[in-house]
C-alpha atoms as a PDB file:
ATOM      1  CA  MET A   1      19.923  10.586  27.351  1.00  0.00           C
ATOM      2  CA  LEU A   2      17.131   9.664  24.965  1.00  0.00           C
ATOM      3  CA  LYS A   3      16.074   6.028  24.907  1.00  0.00           C
ATOM      4  CA  VAL A   4      15.415   5.193  21.253  1.00  0.00           C
ATOM      5  CA  GLU A   5      13.603   2.029  20.143  1.00  0.00           C
ATOM      6  CA  THR A   6      12.897   0.851  16.598  1.00  0.00           C
ATOM      7  CA  ASP A   7       9.605  -0.976  16.093  1.00  0.00           C
ATOM      8  CA  PRO A   8      10.521  -4.581  15.195  1.00  0.00           C
ATOM      9  CA  GLY A   9       7.345  -4.944  13.133  1.00  0.00           C
ATOM     10  CA  SER A  10       8.045  -2.005  10.850  1.00  0.00           C
ATOM     11  CA  GLY A  11       9.686  -2.328   7.466  1.00  0.00           C
ATOM     12  CA  PHE A  12       8.942  -3.990   4.166  1.00  0.00           C
ATOM     13  CA  CYS A  13       6.022  -6.381   3.871  1.00  0.00           C
ATOM     14  CA  GLY A  14       6.595  -9.779   2.266  1.00  0.00           C
ATOM     15  CA  GLY A  15       5.410  -8.657  -1.168  1.00  0.00           C
ATOM     16  CA  VAL A  16       7.833  -5.736  -1.304  1.00  0.00           C
ATOM     17  CA  ILE A  17      10.718  -7.868  -0.013  1.00  0.00           C
ATOM     18  CA  ARG A  18      10.056 -10.380  -2.793  1.00  0.00           C
ATOM     19  CA  ALA A  19       9.897  -7.702  -5.512  1.00  0.00           C
ATOM     20  CA  ILE A  20      13.091  -5.944  -4.428  1.00  0.00           C
ATOM     21  CA  SER A  21      14.930  -9.248  -4.013  1.00  0.00           C
ATOM     22  CA  ARG A  22      14.058 -10.285  -7.558  1.00  0.00           C
ATOM     23  CA  ALA A  23      15.062  -6.879  -8.920  1.00  0.00           C
ATOM     24  CA  GLU A  24      18.422  -7.038  -7.140  1.00  0.00           C
ATOM     25  CA  SER A  25      19.015 -10.584  -8.340  1.00  0.00           C
ATOM     26  CA  TYR A  26      18.355  -9.560 -11.956  1.00  0.00           C
ATOM     27  CA  LEU A  27      20.565  -6.471 -11.655  1.00  0.00           C
ATOM     28  CA  SER A  28      23.424  -8.491 -10.203  1.00  0.00           C
ATOM     29  CA  GLU A  29      23.905  -9.938 -13.698  1.00  0.00           C
ATOM     30  CA  ARG A  30      22.639  -7.116 -15.931  1.00  0.00           C
ATOM     31  CA  ASP A  31      22.989  -3.356 -16.167  1.00  0.00           C
ATOM     32  CA  ARG A  32      19.345  -2.313 -16.412  1.00  0.00           C
ATOM     33  CA  LEU A  33      15.829  -3.368 -15.439  1.00  0.00           C
ATOM     34  CA  TRP A  34      12.654  -1.469 -16.218  1.00  0.00           C
ATOM     35  CA  SER A  35      10.037  -1.175 -13.457  1.00  0.00           C
ATOM     36  CA  LEU A  36       6.465  -0.345 -14.407  1.00  0.00           C
ATOM     37  CA  GLY A  37       5.742   2.183 -11.683  1.00  0.00           C
ATOM     38  CA  ALA A  38       7.707   2.674  -8.482  1.00  0.00           C
ATOM     39  CA  ILE A  39       8.685  -0.724  -7.075  1.00  0.00           C
ATOM     40  CA  VAL A  40       8.199   0.754  -3.593  1.00  0.00           C
ATOM     41  CA  HIS A  41       6.735   4.056  -2.426  1.00  0.00           C
ATOM     42  CA  ASN A  42       9.874   5.264  -0.706  1.00  0.00           C
ATOM     43  CA  GLU A  43      12.146   7.840  -2.272  1.00  0.00           C
ATOM     44  CA  ALA A  44      15.330   6.776  -0.454  1.00  0.00           C
ATOM     45  CA  GLU A  45      14.971   3.119  -1.432  1.00  0.00           C
ATOM     46  CA  LEU A  46      14.111   4.053  -5.027  1.00  0.00           C
ATOM     47  CA  SER A  47      17.291   6.123  -5.209  1.00  0.00           C
ATOM     48  CA  ARG A  48      19.348   3.182  -3.941  1.00  0.00           C
ATOM     49  CA  LEU A  49      17.853   0.841  -6.548  1.00  0.00           C
ATOM     50  CA  GLN A  50      18.212   3.436  -9.293  1.00  0.00           C
ATOM     51  CA  ASP A  51      21.947   3.522  -8.596  1.00  0.00           C
ATOM     52  CA  ARG A  52      21.990  -0.222  -9.255  1.00  0.00           C
ATOM     53  CA  GLY A  53      20.239   0.132 -12.621  1.00  0.00           C
ATOM     54  CA  LEU A  54      16.495   0.082 -11.918  1.00  0.00           C
ATOM     55  CA  VAL A  55      14.637   2.444 -14.245  1.00  0.00           C
ATOM     56  CA  THR A  56      11.111   3.458 -13.226  1.00  0.00           C
ATOM     57  CA  VAL A  57       8.639   4.195 -16.033  1.00  0.00           C
ATOM     58  CA  ASP A  58       5.010   5.247 -16.038  1.00  0.00           C
ATOM     59  CA  SER A  59       3.940   3.172 -19.041  1.00  0.00           C
ATOM     60  CA  LEU A  60       5.098   0.263 -21.188  1.00  0.00           C
ATOM     61  CA  GLU A  61       5.550   2.670 -24.100  1.00  0.00           C
ATOM     62  CA  GLN A  62       8.681   3.945 -22.340  1.00  0.00           C
ATOM     63  CA  VAL A  63      10.269   0.477 -22.337  1.00  0.00           C
ATOM     64  CA  PRO A  64      12.300  -0.395 -25.474  1.00  0.00           C
ATOM     65  CA  ASP A  65      11.061  -3.399 -27.474  1.00  0.00           C
ATOM     66  CA  GLY A  66      12.443  -6.725 -26.344  1.00  0.00           C
ATOM     67  CA  GLU A  67      13.564  -5.470 -22.918  1.00  0.00           C
ATOM     68  CA  THR A  68      12.590  -6.891 -19.505  1.00  0.00           C
ATOM     69  CA  VAL A  69       9.967  -5.167 -17.367  1.00  0.00           C
ATOM     70  CA  LEU A  70       9.170  -5.793 -13.715  1.00  0.00           C
ATOM     71  CA  ILE A  71       5.565  -5.875 -12.512  1.00  0.00           C
ATOM     72  CA  ARG A  72       5.626  -4.636  -8.925  1.00  0.00           C
ATOM     73  CA  ALA A  73       3.794  -6.099  -5.924  1.00  0.00           C
ATOM     74  CA  HIS A  74       0.722  -3.889  -6.495  1.00  0.00           C
ATOM     75  CA  GLY A  75      -0.298  -6.006  -9.482  1.00  0.00           C
ATOM     76  CA  GLU A  76      -1.559  -4.958 -12.911  1.00  0.00           C
ATOM     77  CA  PRO A  77      -4.730  -5.349 -15.015  1.00  0.00           C
ATOM     78  CA  PRO A  78      -4.852  -8.018 -17.757  1.00  0.00           C
ATOM     79  CA  SER A  79      -4.360  -5.330 -20.410  1.00  0.00           C
ATOM     80  CA  THR A  80      -0.798  -4.718 -19.187  1.00  0.00           C
ATOM     81  CA  TYR A  81       0.235  -8.338 -19.781  1.00  0.00           C
ATOM     82  CA  ALA A  82      -1.372  -8.292 -23.224  1.00  0.00           C
ATOM     83  CA  ALA A  83       0.488  -5.110 -24.142  1.00  0.00           C
ATOM     84  CA  ALA A  84       3.799  -6.530 -22.891  1.00  0.00           C
ATOM     85  CA  LYS A  85       3.329  -9.653 -25.003  1.00  0.00           C
ATOM     86  CA  GLU A  86       2.533  -7.558 -28.059  1.00  0.00           C
ATOM     87  CA  ARG A  87       5.736  -5.550 -27.518  1.00  0.00           C
ATOM     88  CA  ASN A  88       7.820  -8.725 -27.056  1.00  0.00           C
ATOM     89  CA  LEU A  89       8.736  -7.641 -23.525  1.00  0.00           C
ATOM     90  CA  SER A  90       9.943 -10.189 -20.993  1.00  0.00           C
ATOM     91  CA  VAL A  91       8.035  -9.897 -17.711  1.00  0.00           C
ATOM     92  CA  ILE A  92       9.257 -10.434 -14.164  1.00  0.00           C
ATOM     93  CA  ASP A  93       5.929 -10.701 -12.374  1.00  0.00           C
ATOM     94  CA  CYS A  94       6.298  -9.678  -8.724  1.00  0.00           C
ATOM     95  CA  SER A  95       2.586  -9.240  -8.049  1.00  0.00           C
ATOM     96  CA  CYS A  96       1.946  -9.986  -4.387  1.00  0.00           C
ATOM     97  CA  PRO A  97       0.153 -13.346  -3.955  1.00  0.00           C
ATOM     98  CA  VAL A  98      -2.364 -11.617  -1.663  1.00  0.00           C
ATOM     99  CA  VAL A  99      -3.151  -9.097  -4.418  1.00  0.00           C
ATOM    100  CA  LEU A 100      -3.440 -11.842  -7.050  1.00  0.00           C
ATOM    101  CA  GLN A 101      -5.926 -13.695  -4.854  1.00  0.00           C
ATOM    102  CA  LEU A 102      -7.931 -10.485  -4.422  1.00  0.00           C
ATOM    103  CA  GLN A 103      -7.980  -9.954  -8.195  1.00  0.00           C
ATOM    104  CA  ARG A 104      -9.352 -13.467  -8.686  1.00  0.00           C
ATOM    105  CA  ARG A 105     -12.003 -13.002  -6.005  1.00  0.00           C
ATOM    106  CA  ILE A 106     -13.199  -9.775  -7.604  1.00  0.00           C
ATOM    107  CA  ARG A 107     -13.471 -11.451 -11.021  1.00  0.00           C
ATOM    108  CA  ASP A 108     -15.480 -14.305  -9.475  1.00  0.00           C
ATOM    109  CA  ALA A 109     -17.768 -11.911  -7.597  1.00  0.00           C
ATOM    110  CA  TYR A 110     -18.428  -9.882 -10.727  1.00  0.00           C
ATOM    111  CA  ALA A 111     -19.427 -13.051 -12.599  1.00  0.00           C
ATOM    112  CA  ARG A 112     -21.804 -14.029  -9.790  1.00  0.00           C
ATOM    113  CA  LEU A 113     -23.384 -10.596  -9.593  1.00  0.00           C
ATOM    114  CA  HIS A 114     -24.048 -10.457 -13.340  1.00  0.00           C
ATOM    115  CA  GLN A 115     -25.193 -13.984 -14.088  1.00  0.00           C
ATOM    116  CA  ASP A 116     -28.626 -14.499 -15.633  1.00  0.00           C
ATOM    117  CA  GLY A 117     -29.000 -10.808 -16.411  1.00  0.00           C
ATOM    118  CA  ALA A 118     -28.544  -9.574 -12.834  1.00  0.00           C
ATOM    119  CA  CYS A 119     -27.021  -6.156 -12.160  1.00  0.00           C
ATOM    120  CA  GLY A 120     -25.235  -6.492  -8.829  1.00  0.00           C
ATOM    121  CA  GLN A 121     -22.532  -4.097  -7.660  1.00  0.00           C
ATOM    122  CA  VAL A 122     -18.857  -4.669  -6.870  1.00  0.00           C
ATOM    123  CA  ILE A 123     -17.526  -2.091  -4.395  1.00  0.00           C
ATOM    124  CA  ILE A 124     -13.833  -1.520  -3.670  1.00  0.00           C
ATOM    125  CA  PHE A 125     -12.705   0.342  -0.572  1.00  0.00           C
ATOM    126  CA  GLY A 126      -9.418   1.886  -1.656  1.00  0.00           C
ATOM    127  CA  ARG A 127      -7.581   4.963  -2.818  1.00  0.00           C
ATOM    128  CA  VAL A 128      -8.742   6.269  -6.182  1.00  0.00           C
ATOM    129  CA  GLY A 129      -5.898   6.019  -8.682  1.00  0.00           C
ATOM    130  CA  HIS A 130      -3.740   3.757  -6.514  1.00  0.00           C
ATOM    131  CA  ALA A 131      -1.823   1.162  -8.546  1.00  0.00           C
ATOM    132  CA  GLU A 132      -3.389  -1.791  -6.738  1.00  0.00           C
ATOM    133  CA  VAL A 133      -6.889  -0.367  -7.163  1.00  0.00           C
ATOM    134  CA  LEU A 134      -6.308   0.214 -10.884  1.00  0.00           C
ATOM    135  CA  GLY A 135      -5.265  -3.421 -11.184  1.00  0.00           C
ATOM    136  CA  LEU A 136      -8.435  -4.499  -9.392  1.00  0.00           C
ATOM    137  CA  LEU A 137     -10.625  -2.365 -11.629  1.00  0.00           C
ATOM    138  CA  GLY A 138      -8.957  -3.916 -14.647  1.00  0.00           C
ATOM    139  CA  GLN A 139     -10.277  -7.338 -13.634  1.00  0.00           C
ATOM    140  CA  VAL A 140     -13.853  -6.145 -14.300  1.00  0.00           C
ATOM    141  CA  ASN A 141     -13.220  -3.674 -17.128  1.00  0.00           C
ATOM    142  CA  GLY A 142     -13.651  -0.761 -14.738  1.00  0.00           C
ATOM    143  CA  ASP A 143     -17.204  -1.747 -13.763  1.00  0.00           C
ATOM    144  CA  ALA A 144     -16.871  -1.304  -9.992  1.00  0.00           C
ATOM    145  CA  LEU A 145     -17.454   1.476  -7.495  1.00  0.00           C
ATOM    146  CA  VAL A 146     -14.332   2.734  -5.683  1.00  0.00           C
ATOM    147  CA  VAL A 147     -14.792   4.624  -2.407  1.00  0.00           C
ATOM    148  CA  GLU A 148     -11.971   6.138  -0.351  1.00  0.00           C
ATOM    149  CA  ASN A 149     -13.867   7.140   2.759  1.00  0.00           C
ATOM    150  CA  ALA A 150     -17.243   7.498   4.434  1.00  0.00           C
ATOM    151  CA  ALA A 151     -17.982  10.864   2.813  1.00  0.00           C
ATOM    152  CA  MET A 152     -17.399   9.448  -0.666  1.00  0.00           C
ATOM    153  CA  LEU A 153     -19.635   6.465   0.088  1.00  0.00           C
ATOM    154  CA  GLU A 154     -22.370   8.717   1.473  1.00  0.00           C
ATOM    155  CA  GLU A 155     -22.479  10.585  -1.833  1.00  0.00           C
ATOM    156  CA  ALA A 156     -22.300   7.400  -3.922  1.00  0.00           C
ATOM    157  CA  MET A 157     -25.146   5.729  -2.033  1.00  0.00           C
ATOM    158  CA  GLN A 158     -27.590   8.193  -3.536  1.00  0.00           C
ATOM    159  CA  SER A 159     -27.224   6.415  -6.888  1.00  0.00           C
ATOM    160  CA  LEU A 160     -26.773   2.804  -5.696  1.00  0.00           C
ATOM    161  CA  ASP A 161     -29.536   0.282  -6.395  1.00  0.00           C
ATOM    162  CA  PHE A 162     -30.157  -1.354  -3.022  1.00  0.00           C
ATOM    163  CA  SER A 163     -32.569  -3.854  -4.575  1.00  0.00           C
ATOM    164  CA  GLN A 164     -29.557  -5.607  -6.125  1.00  0.00           C
ATOM    165  CA  PRO A 165     -26.916  -7.654  -4.274  1.00  0.00           C
ATOM    166  CA  MET A 166     -23.536  -6.087  -3.540  1.00  0.00           C
ATOM    167  CA  GLU A 167     -20.108  -7.479  -2.721  1.00  0.00           C
ATOM    168  CA  ILE A 168     -17.406  -5.341  -1.136  1.00  0.00           C
ATOM    169  CA  PHE A 169     -13.633  -5.755  -1.081  1.00  0.00           C
ATOM    170  CA  SER A 170     -10.829  -3.700   0.427  1.00  0.00           C
ATOM    171  CA  GLN A 171      -7.482  -2.669  -0.993  1.00  0.00           C
ATOM    172  CA  THR A 172      -5.012  -4.903   0.846  1.00  0.00           C
ATOM    173  CA  THR A 173      -3.269  -2.082   2.746  1.00  0.00           C
ATOM    174  CA  LYS A 174      -6.276  -0.159   4.071  1.00  0.00           C
ATOM    175  CA  SER A 175      -7.287   0.360   7.697  1.00  0.00           C
ATOM    176  CA  PRO A 176      -9.444  -2.482   9.105  1.00  0.00           C
ATOM    177  CA  SER A 177     -11.382  -0.054  11.323  1.00  0.00           C
ATOM    178  CA  GLU A 178     -12.167   2.264   8.400  1.00  0.00           C
ATOM    179  CA  TYR A 179     -13.250  -0.716   6.302  1.00  0.00           C
ATOM    180  CA  ALA A 180     -15.605  -1.798   9.090  1.00  0.00           C
ATOM    181  CA  VAL A 181     -17.190   1.666   9.100  1.00  0.00           C
ATOM    182  CA  ILE A 182     -17.763   1.549   5.331  1.00  0.00           C
ATOM    183  CA  CYS A 183     -19.356  -1.900   5.542  1.00  0.00           C
ATOM    184  CA  ARG A 184     -21.575  -0.863   8.458  1.00  0.00           C
ATOM    185  CA  MET A 185     -22.844   2.173   6.524  1.00  0.00           C
ATOM    186  CA  LEU A 186     -24.005  -0.071   3.683  1.00  0.00           C
ATOM    187  CA  LEU A 187     -25.563  -2.642   5.992  1.00  0.00           C
ATOM    188  CA  ASP A 188     -27.431   0.078   7.898  1.00  0.00           C
ATOM    189  CA  LYS A 189     -28.945   1.159   4.592  1.00  0.00           C
ATOM    190  CA  GLY A 190     -30.294  -2.342   4.097  1.00  0.00           C
ATOM    191  CA  ALA A 191     -27.801  -3.455   1.470  1.00  0.00           C
ATOM    192  CA  GLN A 192     -27.775  -7.132   0.465  1.00  0.00           C
ATOM    193  CA  LEU A 193     -24.074  -7.063   1.165  1.00  0.00           C
ATOM    194  CA  THR A 194     -21.401  -9.750   1.106  1.00  0.00           C
ATOM    195  CA  VAL A 195     -18.301  -8.521   2.939  1.00  0.00           C
ATOM    196  CA  HIS A 196     -14.945  -9.980   1.916  1.00  0.00           C
ATOM    197  CA  ASP A 197     -11.993  -9.842   4.309  1.00  0.00           C
ATOM    198  CA  THR A 198      -9.237  -8.848   1.893  1.00  0.00           C
ATOM    199  CA  ILE A 199      -6.927  -6.650   3.969  1.00  0.00           C
ATOM    200  CA  CYS A 200      -3.504  -8.311   4.108  1.00  0.00           C
ATOM    201  CA  ALA A 201      -3.183 -10.193   7.412  1.00  0.00           C
ATOM    202  CA  GLN A 202       0.330  -8.831   7.876  1.00  0.00           C
ATOM    203  CA  VAL A 203      -0.969  -5.279   7.472  1.00  0.00           C
ATOM    204  CA  ALA A 204      -4.086  -5.814   9.604  1.00  0.00           C
ATOM    205  CA  SER A 205      -2.154  -7.271  12.537  1.00  0.00           C
ATOM    206  CA  ARG A 206       0.254  -4.338  12.463  1.00  0.00           C
ATOM    207  CA  HIS A 207      -2.441  -1.827  13.380  1.00  0.00           C
ATOM    208  CA  GLU A 208      -3.007  -3.072  16.922  1.00  0.00           C
ATOM    209  CA  ARG A 209       0.704  -3.631  17.583  1.00  0.00           C
ATOM    210  CA  LEU A 210       1.680  -0.251  16.140  1.00  0.00           C
ATOM    211  CA  ALA A 211      -0.929   1.558  18.235  1.00  0.00           C
ATOM    212  CA  ALA A 212       0.495  -0.074  21.368  1.00  0.00           C
ATOM    213  CA  PHE A 213       4.027   0.880  20.268  1.00  0.00           C
ATOM    214  CA  ALA A 214       2.993   4.517  19.725  1.00  0.00           C
ATOM    215  CA  ARG A 215       1.339   4.714  23.152  1.00  0.00           C
ATOM    216  CA  SER A 216       4.410   3.334  24.902  1.00  0.00           C
ATOM    217  CA  HIS A 217       6.760   6.159  23.837  1.00  0.00           C
ATOM    218  CA  ASP A 218       6.862   9.877  24.558  1.00  0.00           C
ATOM    219  CA  VAL A 219       7.626  10.773  20.938  1.00  0.00           C
ATOM    220  CA  ILE A 220       7.074   8.830  17.704  1.00  0.00           C
ATOM    221  CA  VAL A 221       9.073   9.374  14.528  1.00  0.00           C
ATOM    222  CA  PHE A 222       7.268   7.740  11.611  1.00  0.00           C
ATOM    223  CA  VAL A 223       9.472   7.171   8.560  1.00  0.00           C
ATOM    224  CA  SER A 224       7.673   6.986   5.219  1.00  0.00           C
ATOM    225  CA  GLY A 225       7.756   8.022   1.602  1.00  0.00           C
ATOM    226  CA  LYS A 226       5.434  10.874   0.684  1.00  0.00           C
ATOM    227  CA  SER A 227       3.493   8.769  -1.831  1.00  0.00           C
ATOM    228  CA  SER A 228       2.935   5.743   0.421  1.00  0.00           C
ATOM    229  CA  SER A 229      -0.776   5.021   0.934  1.00  0.00           C
ATOM    230  CA  ASN A 230       0.023   2.578   3.719  1.00  0.00           C
ATOM    231  CA  GLY A 231       2.312   5.180   5.289  1.00  0.00           C
ATOM    232  CA  LYS A 232      -0.559   7.690   5.447  1.00  0.00           C
ATOM    233  CA  VAL A 233      -2.848   5.122   7.101  1.00  0.00           C
ATOM    234  CA  LEU A 234      -0.284   4.024   9.686  1.00  0.00           C
ATOM    235  CA  SER A 235       1.075   7.490  10.496  1.00  0.00           C
ATOM    236  CA  ASP A 236      -2.502   8.700  11.057  1.00  0.00           C
ATOM    237  CA  LEU A 237      -2.973   5.743  13.407  1.00  0.00           C
ATOM    238  CA  CYS A 238       0.125   6.747  15.383  1.00  0.00           C
ATOM    239  CA  SER A 239      -1.016  10.376  15.550  1.00  0.00           C
ATOM    240  CA  SER A 240      -4.435   9.324  16.848  1.00  0.00           C
ATOM    241  CA  VAL A 241      -2.925   7.650  19.908  1.00  0.00           C
ATOM    242  CA  ASN A 242       0.179   9.832  20.343  1.00  0.00           C
ATOM    243  CA  PRO A 243      -0.055  13.537  19.432  1.00  0.00           C
ATOM    244  CA  HIS A 244       3.752  13.782  19.529  1.00  0.00           C
ATOM    245  CA  THR A 245       4.062  11.916  16.226  1.00  0.00           C
ATOM    246  CA  TYR A 246       6.273  13.326  13.472  1.00  0.00           C
ATOM    247  CA  VAL A 247       6.458  12.010   9.905  1.00  0.00           C
ATOM    248  CA  VAL A 248       9.804  12.190   8.093  1.00  0.00           C
ATOM    249  CA  GLY A 249      11.268  10.876   4.885  1.00  0.00           C
ATOM    250  CA  GLY A 250      14.750  10.507   6.366  1.00  0.00           C
ATOM    251  CA  ALA A 251      17.195  11.635   9.044  1.00  0.00           C
ATOM    252  CA  GLY A 252      17.705  15.030   7.414  1.00  0.00           C
ATOM    253  CA  GLU A 253      14.170  16.091   8.363  1.00  0.00           C
ATOM    254  CA  LEU A 254      14.592  15.552  12.120  1.00  0.00           C
ATOM    255  CA  ASP A 255      14.245  18.508  14.488  1.00  0.00           C
ATOM    256  CA  PRO A 256      15.999  18.275  17.897  1.00  0.00           C
ATOM    257  CA  ALA A 257      13.235  20.409  19.423  1.00  0.00           C
ATOM    258  CA  TRP A 258      10.805  17.497  19.039  1.00  0.00           C
ATOM    259  CA  PHE A 259      12.638  15.528  21.723  1.00  0.00           C
ATOM    260  CA  ALA A 260      13.433  18.219  24.307  1.00  0.00           C
ATOM    261  CA  GLY A 261      12.111  17.224  27.729  1.00  0.00           C
ATOM    262  CA  TYR A 262      11.195  13.667  26.697  1.00  0.00           C
ATOM    263  CA  ALA A 263      12.797  10.369  27.632  1.00  0.00           C
ATOM    264  CA  THR A 264      11.669   7.789  25.067  1.00  0.00           C
ATOM    265  CA  VAL A 265      11.425   7.890  21.276  1.00  0.00           C
ATOM    266  CA  GLY A 266       9.884   5.227  19.065  1.00  0.00           C
ATOM    267  CA  ILE A 267      10.977   4.857  15.427  1.00  0.00           C
ATOM    268  CA  CYS A 268       8.519   3.109  13.102  1.00  0.00           C
ATOM    269  CA  GLY A 269       7.438   3.155   9.481  1.00  0.00           C
ATOM    270  CA  ALA A 270       5.303   1.914   6.620  1.00  0.00           C
ATOM    271  CA  THR A 271       5.362  -1.441   4.843  1.00  0.00           C
ATOM    272  CA  SER A 272       7.270   0.441   2.123  1.00  0.00           C
ATOM    273  CA  THR A 273       9.980   1.736   4.489  1.00  0.00           C
ATOM    274  CA  PRO A 274      13.297  -0.167   4.371  1.00  0.00           C
ATOM    275  CA  LYS A 275      14.879  -1.373   7.614  1.00  0.00           C
ATOM    276  CA  TRP A 276      18.140   0.386   6.779  1.00  0.00           C
ATOM    277  CA  LEU A 277      16.348   3.740   6.652  1.00  0.00           C
ATOM    278  CA  LEU A 278      14.617   3.121   9.994  1.00  0.00           C
ATOM    279  CA  GLU A 279      17.980   2.356  11.588  1.00  0.00           C
ATOM    280  CA  GLU A 280      19.572   5.412   9.972  1.00  0.00           C
ATOM    281  CA  VAL A 281      16.889   7.642  11.506  1.00  0.00           C
ATOM    282  CA  ALA A 282      17.186   5.893  14.876  1.00  0.00           C
ATOM    283  CA  CYS A 283      20.950   6.428  14.868  1.00  0.00           C
ATOM    284  CA  ALA A 284      20.507  10.123  14.063  1.00  0.00           C
ATOM    285  CA  VAL A 285      18.069  10.555  16.965  1.00  0.00           C
ATOM    286  CA  ARG A 286      20.473   8.799  19.364  1.00  0.00           C
ATOM    287  CA  ASN A 287      23.210  11.212  18.346  1.00  0.00           C
ATOM    288  CA  MET A 288      21.080  14.241  19.148  1.00  0.00           C
ATOM    289  CA  ASN A 289      21.405  16.155  22.392  1.00  0.00           C
ATOM    290  CA  PRO A 290      18.163  18.144  22.702  1.00  0.00           C
END
């Protein structure tokens, strides 16, 4: 019989828990709440919340005047709050405190780098177009360099002015090891670089624990939404230490052949994966007879 274990450290991060809790509290007394962007990058959880009255929109223009809109944990640029005020929209601000602190630090760094006519460079290690990154760019009117990986930085360095100081920040959910590589590349080029540790501590500590969890099982089933940036980072981590890693969105995507001849299965997921979905997948695996 398969021995199935669910990673106790997997599941929603604190910022997502807070956002969903506030949405559920609001919807316990009202029929509808508008969410600016997906409150969590997990299709199953979004469907559950949609059934309770959460409506996801891509822009404030889709929200009727005078309604209430939820700002998710990823945060938003200042322009969003100004537009909401102009439209007489009530705002439930669920921006993660870690993200808000990062926004403030980027604003402060930009002011330092441009005082007295200087032309320093703010660099953000993050996924281009990600909601959190767009919110960070909005703090400096878009005047920052965003790099996703080493190849993108290598190309960008050809146009960087290394005679000017630089300050680098990371999207809160990125890989600490990848961030270290990016910083080292700049330092090796002689950059006058200030490195800011801005990866969420809860996310950073998960990497080492999750790698150990993946090594300790014959097969890993990683549960994540397709659009989860954190899910991509963490599932890649699992795959790097355990080649028998499979990524699924839910129990319906499981294949009994994955487990044939193995004794232990580990179930884990992203910071956007709900506990109930992890347990649902674990239960489905236990009921299999490969």
